[in-house]
């Protein structure tokens, strides 16, 4: 479990990345969420595969609740896409690895 200082630092990194205006994906999940645990490996694999195209962050919905609410997160896991400092798109569970790949491609490259 993260300390309060670690949570503040992680929160600041997410907000700084969003404020910088580039493409940013934030995955919202919860430690209690079984779907989040099952999706995490393929979400992390997609983040690694597309690290050159965008920044990727993981956020605990309990810690980042205001940001999750602002993005309209109602189901977990959820992946929010930001560009130019604003949330643009939201992908919510259920989704497949190929669905996540399509979402990333559409957001970043307009595929």
N, C-alpha and C. Protein backbone atom coordinates (compact mmCIF):
# COMPACT_ATOMS: atom_id res chain seq x y z
N UNK A 1 0.84 -1.18 0.00
CA UNK A 1 0.00 0.00 0.00
C UNK A 1 0.89 1.24 0.00
N UNK A 2 0.51 2.22 -0.80
CA UNK A 2 1.30 3.43 -0.93
C UNK A 2 1.12 4.34 0.28
N UNK A 3 2.17 5.05 0.60
CA UNK A 3 2.08 6.03 1.67
C UNK A 3 1.39 7.28 1.14
N UNK A 4 0.98 8.15 2.04
CA UNK A 4 0.33 9.40 1.63
C UNK A 4 1.26 10.22 0.73
N UNK A 5 2.54 10.25 1.06
CA UNK A 5 3.50 11.01 0.25
C UNK A 5 3.63 10.41 -1.15
N UNK A 6 3.62 9.08 -1.24
CA UNK A 6 3.70 8.43 -2.55
C UNK A 6 2.44 8.70 -3.36
N UNK A 7 1.28 8.70 -2.70
CA UNK A 7 0.03 9.00 -3.41
C UNK A 7 0.02 10.43 -3.93
N UNK A 8 0.51 11.36 -3.14
CA UNK A 8 0.57 12.76 -3.57
C UNK A 8 1.53 12.90 -4.76
N UNK A 9 2.68 12.25 -4.69
CA UNK A 9 3.64 12.32 -5.78
C UNK A 9 3.07 11.71 -7.06
N UNK A 10 2.38 10.58 -6.95
CA UNK A 10 1.77 9.94 -8.12
C UNK A 10 0.68 10.84 -8.71
N UNK A 11 -0.11 11.44 -7.85
CA UNK A 11 -1.16 12.36 -8.29
C UNK A 11 -0.55 13.54 -9.05
N UNK A 12 0.53 14.08 -8.53
CA UNK A 12 1.19 15.22 -9.16
C UNK A 12 1.74 14.84 -10.54
N UNK A 13 2.33 13.62 -10.65
CA UNK A 13 2.86 13.17 -11.95
C UNK A 13 1.75 13.06 -12.99
N UNK A 14 0.60 12.54 -12.58
CA UNK A 14 -0.53 12.42 -13.51
C UNK A 14 -0.99 13.80 -13.96
N UNK A 15 -1.21 14.70 -13.00
CA UNK A 15 -1.68 16.04 -13.36
C UNK A 15 -0.67 16.81 -14.19
N UNK A 16 0.61 16.67 -13.88
CA UNK A 16 1.65 17.34 -14.67
C UNK A 16 1.65 16.83 -16.11
N UNK A 17 1.51 15.53 -16.29
CA UNK A 17 1.48 14.96 -17.64
C UNK A 17 0.26 15.45 -18.41
N UNK A 18 -0.90 15.47 -17.76
CA UNK A 18 -2.11 15.97 -18.41
C UNK A 18 -1.95 17.44 -18.78
N UNK A 19 -1.45 18.24 -17.85
CA UNK A 19 -1.27 19.67 -18.08
C UNK A 19 -0.27 19.96 -19.19
N UNK A 20 0.68 19.06 -19.43
CA UNK A 20 1.67 19.27 -20.49
C UNK A 20 1.03 19.20 -21.87
N UNK A 21 -0.16 18.60 -21.99
CA UNK A 21 -0.91 18.65 -23.23
C UNK A 21 -0.72 17.49 -24.19
N UNK A 22 0.26 16.65 -23.96
CA UNK A 22 0.48 15.53 -24.86
C UNK A 22 -0.55 14.44 -24.63
N UNK A 23 -0.48 13.38 -25.43
CA UNK A 23 -1.40 12.27 -25.24
C UNK A 23 -1.09 11.50 -23.95
N UNK A 24 -2.11 11.33 -23.12
CA UNK A 24 -1.97 10.66 -21.83
C UNK A 24 -3.15 9.71 -21.63
N UNK A 25 -2.84 8.51 -21.19
CA UNK A 25 -3.87 7.54 -20.81
C UNK A 25 -3.76 7.29 -19.31
N UNK A 26 -4.90 7.32 -18.63
CA UNK A 26 -4.94 7.02 -17.20
C UNK A 26 -5.92 5.86 -17.02
N UNK A 27 -5.40 4.76 -16.48
CA UNK A 27 -6.25 3.61 -16.17
C UNK A 27 -6.70 3.72 -14.72
N UNK A 28 -8.01 3.75 -14.52
CA UNK A 28 -8.58 3.78 -13.19
C UNK A 28 -8.99 2.37 -12.80
N UNK A 29 -8.61 1.97 -11.59
CA UNK A 29 -8.98 0.65 -11.09
C UNK A 29 -9.06 0.71 -9.57
N UNK A 30 -9.44 -0.40 -8.99
CA UNK A 30 -9.51 -0.51 -7.54
C UNK A 30 -8.93 -1.84 -7.10
N UNK A 31 -8.30 -1.86 -5.95
CA UNK A 31 -7.67 -3.09 -5.46
C UNK A 31 -8.70 -4.18 -5.19
N UNK A 32 -9.92 -3.82 -4.94
CA UNK A 32 -11.00 -4.75 -4.65
C UNK A 32 -11.68 -5.28 -5.91
N UNK A 33 -11.31 -4.75 -7.08
CA UNK A 33 -12.01 -5.01 -8.34
C UNK A 33 -11.40 -6.21 -9.07
N UNK A 34 -12.15 -7.31 -9.17
CA UNK A 34 -11.66 -8.52 -9.83
C UNK A 34 -11.41 -8.28 -11.32
N UNK A 35 -12.27 -7.53 -11.99
CA UNK A 35 -12.09 -7.23 -13.42
C UNK A 35 -10.81 -6.43 -13.63
N UNK A 36 -10.52 -5.54 -12.69
CA UNK A 36 -9.29 -4.72 -12.78
C UNK A 36 -8.06 -5.61 -12.71
N UNK A 37 -8.08 -6.57 -11.80
CA UNK A 37 -6.94 -7.48 -11.65
C UNK A 37 -6.78 -8.34 -12.91
N UNK A 38 -7.87 -8.77 -13.50
CA UNK A 38 -7.75 -9.62 -14.69
C UNK A 38 -7.32 -8.81 -15.92
N UNK A 39 -7.69 -7.55 -16.00
CA UNK A 39 -7.33 -6.73 -17.15
C UNK A 39 -5.93 -6.11 -17.04
N UNK A 40 -5.43 -6.00 -15.83
CA UNK A 40 -4.16 -5.28 -15.62
C UNK A 40 -3.01 -5.79 -16.48
N UNK A 41 -2.80 -7.12 -16.64
CA UNK A 41 -1.68 -7.57 -17.47
C UNK A 41 -1.76 -7.07 -18.92
N UNK A 42 -2.94 -7.13 -19.53
CA UNK A 42 -2.99 -6.68 -20.92
C UNK A 42 -3.02 -5.16 -21.04
N UNK A 43 -3.48 -4.47 -20.01
CA UNK A 43 -3.38 -3.00 -20.01
C UNK A 43 -1.91 -2.58 -19.90
N UNK A 44 -1.18 -3.23 -19.01
CA UNK A 44 0.26 -2.92 -18.87
C UNK A 44 1.03 -3.27 -20.14
N UNK A 45 0.68 -4.37 -20.79
CA UNK A 45 1.35 -4.75 -22.05
C UNK A 45 1.08 -3.71 -23.12
N UNK A 46 -0.14 -3.22 -23.22
CA UNK A 46 -0.46 -2.19 -24.21
C UNK A 46 0.28 -0.90 -23.90
N UNK A 47 0.37 -0.54 -22.62
CA UNK A 47 1.10 0.67 -22.24
C UNK A 47 2.57 0.56 -22.63
N UNK A 48 3.17 -0.59 -22.41
CA UNK A 48 4.57 -0.79 -22.78
C UNK A 48 4.74 -0.73 -24.30
N UNK A 49 3.81 -1.31 -25.02
CA UNK A 49 3.91 -1.34 -26.49
C UNK A 49 3.75 0.04 -27.11
N UNK A 50 3.04 0.93 -26.44
CA UNK A 50 2.76 2.26 -27.00
C UNK A 50 3.44 3.39 -26.23
N UNK A 51 4.45 3.06 -25.45
CA UNK A 51 5.11 4.07 -24.60
C UNK A 51 5.74 5.20 -25.41
N UNK A 52 6.11 4.94 -26.65
CA UNK A 52 6.70 6.00 -27.48
C UNK A 52 5.64 6.97 -28.02
N UNK A 53 4.38 6.57 -27.97
CA UNK A 53 3.31 7.40 -28.54
C UNK A 53 2.57 8.24 -27.51
N UNK A 54 2.58 7.80 -26.25
CA UNK A 54 1.80 8.47 -25.22
C UNK A 54 2.35 8.10 -23.85
N UNK A 55 1.93 8.85 -22.84
CA UNK A 55 2.26 8.51 -21.47
C UNK A 55 1.10 7.71 -20.88
N UNK A 56 1.43 6.73 -20.04
CA UNK A 56 0.43 5.86 -19.43
C UNK A 56 0.60 5.88 -17.92
N UNK A 57 -0.53 5.98 -17.22
CA UNK A 57 -0.53 5.99 -15.77
C UNK A 57 -1.61 5.06 -15.24
N UNK A 58 -1.38 4.55 -14.06
CA UNK A 58 -2.37 3.74 -13.35
C UNK A 58 -2.81 4.55 -12.14
N UNK A 59 -4.11 4.62 -11.90
CA UNK A 59 -4.62 5.38 -10.77
C UNK A 59 -5.64 4.56 -10.00
N UNK A 60 -5.46 4.52 -8.69
CA UNK A 60 -6.44 3.89 -7.81
C UNK A 60 -7.63 4.84 -7.71
N UNK A 61 -8.80 4.34 -8.04
CA UNK A 61 -9.99 5.20 -8.07
C UNK A 61 -10.28 5.81 -6.69
N UNK A 62 -9.90 5.14 -5.62
CA UNK A 62 -10.12 5.69 -4.28
C UNK A 62 -9.24 6.91 -4.03
N UNK A 63 -8.05 6.92 -4.60
CA UNK A 63 -7.12 8.04 -4.43
C UNK A 63 -7.43 9.15 -5.43
N UNK A 64 -7.74 8.79 -6.65
CA UNK A 64 -7.97 9.75 -7.73
C UNK A 64 -9.46 9.93 -8.01
N UNK A 65 -10.28 9.83 -6.97
CA UNK A 65 -11.73 9.90 -7.14
C UNK A 65 -12.19 11.19 -7.82
N UNK A 66 -11.68 12.37 -7.49
CA UNK A 66 -12.13 13.58 -8.19
C UNK A 66 -11.83 13.54 -9.70
N UNK A 67 -10.66 13.06 -10.06
CA UNK A 67 -10.31 12.96 -11.48
C UNK A 67 -11.19 11.92 -12.17
N UNK A 68 -11.42 10.79 -11.51
CA UNK A 68 -12.29 9.76 -12.08
C UNK A 68 -13.70 10.30 -12.29
N UNK A 69 -14.20 11.03 -11.33
CA UNK A 69 -15.54 11.62 -11.46
C UNK A 69 -15.58 12.62 -12.61
N UNK A 70 -14.54 13.46 -12.73
CA UNK A 70 -14.47 14.44 -13.81
C UNK A 70 -14.49 13.75 -15.18
N UNK A 71 -13.89 12.57 -15.26
CA UNK A 71 -13.83 11.82 -16.52
C UNK A 71 -15.11 11.02 -16.79
N UNK A 72 -15.99 10.94 -15.82
CA UNK A 72 -17.23 10.20 -16.00
C UNK A 72 -17.09 8.70 -15.77
N UNK A 73 -16.09 8.30 -15.00
CA UNK A 73 -15.88 6.88 -14.73
C UNK A 73 -17.03 6.35 -13.87
N UNK A 74 -17.69 5.31 -14.39
CA UNK A 74 -18.78 4.69 -13.64
C UNK A 74 -18.59 3.18 -13.52
N UNK A 75 -17.68 2.62 -14.30
CA UNK A 75 -17.36 1.19 -14.25
C UNK A 75 -15.85 1.04 -14.24
N UNK A 76 -15.38 -0.01 -13.60
CA UNK A 76 -13.94 -0.27 -13.53
C UNK A 76 -13.63 -1.62 -14.17
N UNK A 77 -12.45 -1.75 -14.75
CA UNK A 77 -11.50 -0.69 -15.01
C UNK A 77 -11.98 0.25 -16.10
N UNK A 78 -11.40 1.43 -16.12
CA UNK A 78 -11.70 2.43 -17.14
C UNK A 78 -10.39 3.07 -17.56
N UNK A 79 -10.29 3.36 -18.85
CA UNK A 79 -9.09 4.00 -19.40
C UNK A 79 -9.52 5.34 -20.00
N UNK A 80 -9.00 6.42 -19.43
CA UNK A 80 -9.32 7.76 -19.91
C UNK A 80 -8.17 8.27 -20.77
N UNK A 81 -8.52 8.93 -21.87
CA UNK A 81 -7.53 9.53 -22.75
C UNK A 81 -7.61 11.04 -22.65
N UNK A 82 -6.44 11.67 -22.48
CA UNK A 82 -6.34 13.13 -22.39
C UNK A 82 -5.44 13.64 -23.50
N UNK A 83 -5.81 14.77 -24.07
CA UNK A 83 -4.96 15.49 -25.02
C UNK A 83 -5.26 16.97 -24.81
N UNK A 84 -4.24 17.78 -24.93
CA UNK A 84 -4.38 19.23 -24.75
C UNK A 84 -4.96 19.57 -23.38
N UNK A 85 -4.66 18.74 -22.38
CA UNK A 85 -5.08 19.01 -21.02
C UNK A 85 -6.50 18.63 -20.68
N UNK A 86 -7.24 18.06 -21.64
CA UNK A 86 -8.64 17.72 -21.39
C UNK A 86 -8.90 16.24 -21.64
N UNK A 87 -9.86 15.69 -20.87
CA UNK A 87 -10.24 14.31 -21.13
C UNK A 87 -11.05 14.28 -22.42
N UNK A 88 -10.68 13.36 -23.31
CA UNK A 88 -11.26 13.29 -24.64
C UNK A 88 -12.15 12.07 -24.84
N UNK A 89 -11.69 10.94 -24.36
CA UNK A 89 -12.38 9.67 -24.58
C UNK A 89 -12.28 8.82 -23.33
N UNK A 90 -13.22 7.87 -23.18
CA UNK A 90 -13.21 6.97 -22.04
C UNK A 90 -13.61 5.58 -22.51
N UNK A 91 -12.81 4.60 -22.15
CA UNK A 91 -13.10 3.19 -22.43
C UNK A 91 -13.36 2.52 -21.10
N UNK A 92 -14.54 1.90 -20.96
CA UNK A 92 -14.87 1.23 -19.70
C UNK A 92 -15.07 -0.26 -19.92
N UNK A 93 -14.90 -1.00 -18.85
CA UNK A 93 -15.07 -2.45 -18.86
C UNK A 93 -16.51 -2.79 -19.24
N UNK A 94 -16.73 -3.84 -20.02
CA UNK A 94 -15.75 -4.83 -20.47
C UNK A 94 -15.10 -4.42 -21.79
N UNK A 95 -13.81 -4.73 -21.90
CA UNK A 95 -13.09 -4.58 -23.16
C UNK A 95 -12.04 -5.67 -23.25
N UNK A 96 -11.65 -5.98 -24.47
CA UNK A 96 -10.67 -7.03 -24.74
C UNK A 96 -9.32 -6.40 -25.02
N UNK A 97 -8.26 -7.20 -25.06
CA UNK A 97 -6.97 -6.64 -25.47
C UNK A 97 -7.04 -5.98 -26.85
N UNK A 98 -7.73 -6.59 -27.80
CA UNK A 98 -7.82 -5.99 -29.14
C UNK A 98 -8.67 -4.72 -29.11
N UNK A 99 -9.70 -4.69 -28.26
CA UNK A 99 -10.49 -3.48 -28.12
C UNK A 99 -9.68 -2.33 -27.53
N UNK A 100 -8.82 -2.66 -26.58
CA UNK A 100 -7.94 -1.65 -26.00
C UNK A 100 -6.95 -1.13 -27.04
N UNK A 101 -6.40 -2.03 -27.86
CA UNK A 101 -5.48 -1.62 -28.92
C UNK A 101 -6.17 -0.68 -29.90
N UNK A 102 -7.42 -1.00 -30.29
CA UNK A 102 -8.17 -0.13 -31.20
C UNK A 102 -8.39 1.24 -30.56
N UNK A 103 -8.75 1.25 -29.28
CA UNK A 103 -8.98 2.50 -28.56
C UNK A 103 -7.72 3.36 -28.56
N UNK A 104 -6.59 2.76 -28.24
CA UNK A 104 -5.32 3.52 -28.23
C UNK A 104 -5.02 4.06 -29.62
N UNK A 105 -5.15 3.22 -30.63
CA UNK A 105 -4.89 3.66 -32.00
C UNK A 105 -5.79 4.80 -32.43
N UNK A 106 -7.07 4.72 -32.12
CA UNK A 106 -8.00 5.77 -32.48
C UNK A 106 -7.66 7.07 -31.77
N UNK A 107 -7.32 6.97 -30.50
CA UNK A 107 -7.02 8.18 -29.73
C UNK A 107 -5.73 8.84 -30.17
N UNK A 108 -4.69 8.05 -30.37
CA UNK A 108 -3.37 8.62 -30.64
C UNK A 108 -3.17 8.94 -32.12
N UNK A 109 -3.58 8.02 -32.99
CA UNK A 109 -3.28 8.17 -34.41
C UNK A 109 -4.52 8.41 -35.27
N UNK A 110 -5.69 8.33 -34.69
CA UNK A 110 -6.91 8.49 -35.47
C UNK A 110 -7.23 7.29 -36.32
N UNK A 111 -6.69 6.11 -35.96
CA UNK A 111 -6.95 4.87 -36.73
C UNK A 111 -8.42 4.55 -36.77
